[in-house]
């Protein structure tokens, strides 16, 4: 009987100690933003060299629209199993959508 009582007291004390430790750890989380502010203020105080971005002219790849229309028409005709001359591509629009 004495072993059961000592085991119970030991188990309850360990659980109580863990709960107090966790509550103290959660209490310390409120000080993290203050420490981050102090560190960022120190970093801001140091002068930072700002590099001027050099604009590089971007060359757009010009695709031959007729060739693109021919490829799209051929793909549609192949998937439908019909003659490509039955289709007329009036406009081409890029669809922006997520792959997922």
Protein backbone atom coordinates (compact mmCIF):
# COMPACT_ATOMS: atom_id res chain seq x y z
CA UNK A 1 0.00 0.00 0.00
CA UNK A 2 2.83 2.35 0.83
CA UNK A 3 4.38 1.81 -2.61
CA UNK A 4 1.12 2.75 -4.31
CA UNK A 5 0.86 5.98 -2.31
CA UNK A 6 4.48 6.94 -3.05
CA UNK A 7 3.98 6.16 -6.76
CA UNK A 8 0.84 8.30 -6.82
CA UNK A 9 2.57 11.21 -5.09
CA UNK A 10 5.56 10.91 -7.43
CA UNK A 11 3.33 10.84 -10.54
CA UNK A 12 1.22 13.80 -9.43
CA UNK A 13 4.32 15.83 -8.55
CA UNK A 14 5.92 15.12 -11.95
CA UNK A 15 2.75 16.13 -13.80
CA UNK A 16 2.45 19.29 -11.68
CA UNK A 17 6.11 20.17 -12.35
CA UNK A 18 5.66 19.71 -16.12
CA UNK A 19 2.52 21.85 -16.13
CA UNK A 20 4.25 24.65 -14.21
CA UNK A 21 7.23 24.46 -16.59
CA UNK A 22 4.96 24.70 -19.64
CA UNK A 23 3.04 27.63 -18.21
CA UNK A 24 6.34 29.43 -17.50
CA UNK A 25 7.50 28.74 -21.05
CA UNK A 26 4.24 30.13 -22.45
CA UNK A 27 4.65 33.18 -20.21
CA UNK A 28 8.11 33.81 -21.73
CA UNK A 29 6.62 33.96 -25.25
CA UNK A 30 5.31 37.47 -24.58
CA UNK A 31 8.90 38.77 -24.35
CA UNK A 32 9.97 37.51 -27.78
CA UNK A 33 8.50 40.47 -29.77
CA UNK A 34 10.29 42.93 -27.48
CA UNK A 35 13.62 41.19 -28.07
CA UNK A 36 13.02 41.19 -31.83
CA UNK A 37 12.31 44.94 -31.77
CA UNK A 38 15.56 45.62 -29.92
CA UNK A 39 17.53 43.55 -32.41
CA UNK A 40 15.94 45.24 -35.43
CA UNK A 41 16.56 48.70 -33.95
CA UNK A 42 20.24 47.86 -33.65
CA UNK A 43 20.33 46.71 -37.25
CA UNK A 44 18.50 49.82 -38.46
CA UNK A 45 20.92 52.09 -36.62
CA UNK A 46 23.82 50.73 -38.66
CA UNK A 47 24.17 52.51 -42.01
CA UNK A 48 23.25 50.31 -44.90
CA UNK A 49 24.62 50.91 -48.35
CA UNK A 50 21.86 51.03 -50.88
CA UNK A 51 22.78 49.94 -54.33
CA UNK A 52 21.07 51.64 -57.20
CA UNK A 53 19.43 49.01 -59.36
CA UNK A 54 20.55 49.16 -62.95
CA UNK A 55 17.71 48.76 -65.38
CA UNK A 56 18.50 46.24 -68.04
CA UNK A 57 16.36 46.46 -71.14
CA UNK A 58 14.28 43.33 -71.39
CA UNK A 59 13.89 41.89 -74.81
CA UNK A 60 10.55 40.24 -75.30
CA UNK A 61 10.55 37.03 -77.21
CA UNK A 62 8.40 37.61 -80.20
CA UNK A 63 6.68 34.44 -81.31
CA UNK A 64 5.36 34.17 -84.80
CA UNK A 65 1.61 34.33 -84.25
CA UNK A 66 0.84 32.44 -87.42
CA UNK A 67 3.00 29.54 -86.34
CA UNK A 68 1.38 29.54 -82.89
CA UNK A 69 -2.09 29.58 -84.43
CA UNK A 70 -1.12 26.68 -86.69
CA UNK A 71 0.12 24.64 -83.73
CA UNK A 72 -3.01 25.33 -81.68
CA UNK A 73 -5.27 24.50 -84.61
CA UNK A 74 -3.39 21.27 -85.27
CA UNK A 75 -3.61 20.27 -81.60
CA UNK A 76 -7.35 20.89 -81.48
CA UNK A 77 -7.90 19.04 -84.74
CA UNK A 78 -5.80 16.09 -83.56
CA UNK A 79 -7.68 15.84 -80.28
CA UNK A 80 -11.06 16.06 -82.03
CA UNK A 81 -10.03 13.84 -84.95
CA UNK A 82 -11.24 16.32 -87.57
CA UNK A 83 -9.73 18.29 -90.43
CA UNK A 84 -7.73 21.36 -89.26
CA UNK A 85 -9.37 23.50 -91.96
CA UNK A 86 -12.66 23.29 -90.05
CA UNK A 87 -11.30 25.42 -87.20
CA UNK A 88 -10.62 29.15 -87.07
CA UNK A 89 -8.52 30.57 -84.22
CA UNK A 90 -9.77 34.10 -83.59
CA UNK A 91 -7.77 35.05 -80.51
CA UNK A 92 -5.13 33.66 -78.16
CA UNK A 93 -5.28 34.50 -74.45
CA UNK A 94 -2.94 33.24 -71.78
CA UNK A 95 -4.79 31.67 -68.87
CA UNK A 96 -3.29 32.39 -65.45
CA UNK A 97 -4.27 29.63 -63.08
CA UNK A 98 -2.69 27.64 -60.33
CA UNK A 99 -1.33 24.25 -61.31
CA UNK A 100 -2.53 22.71 -58.05
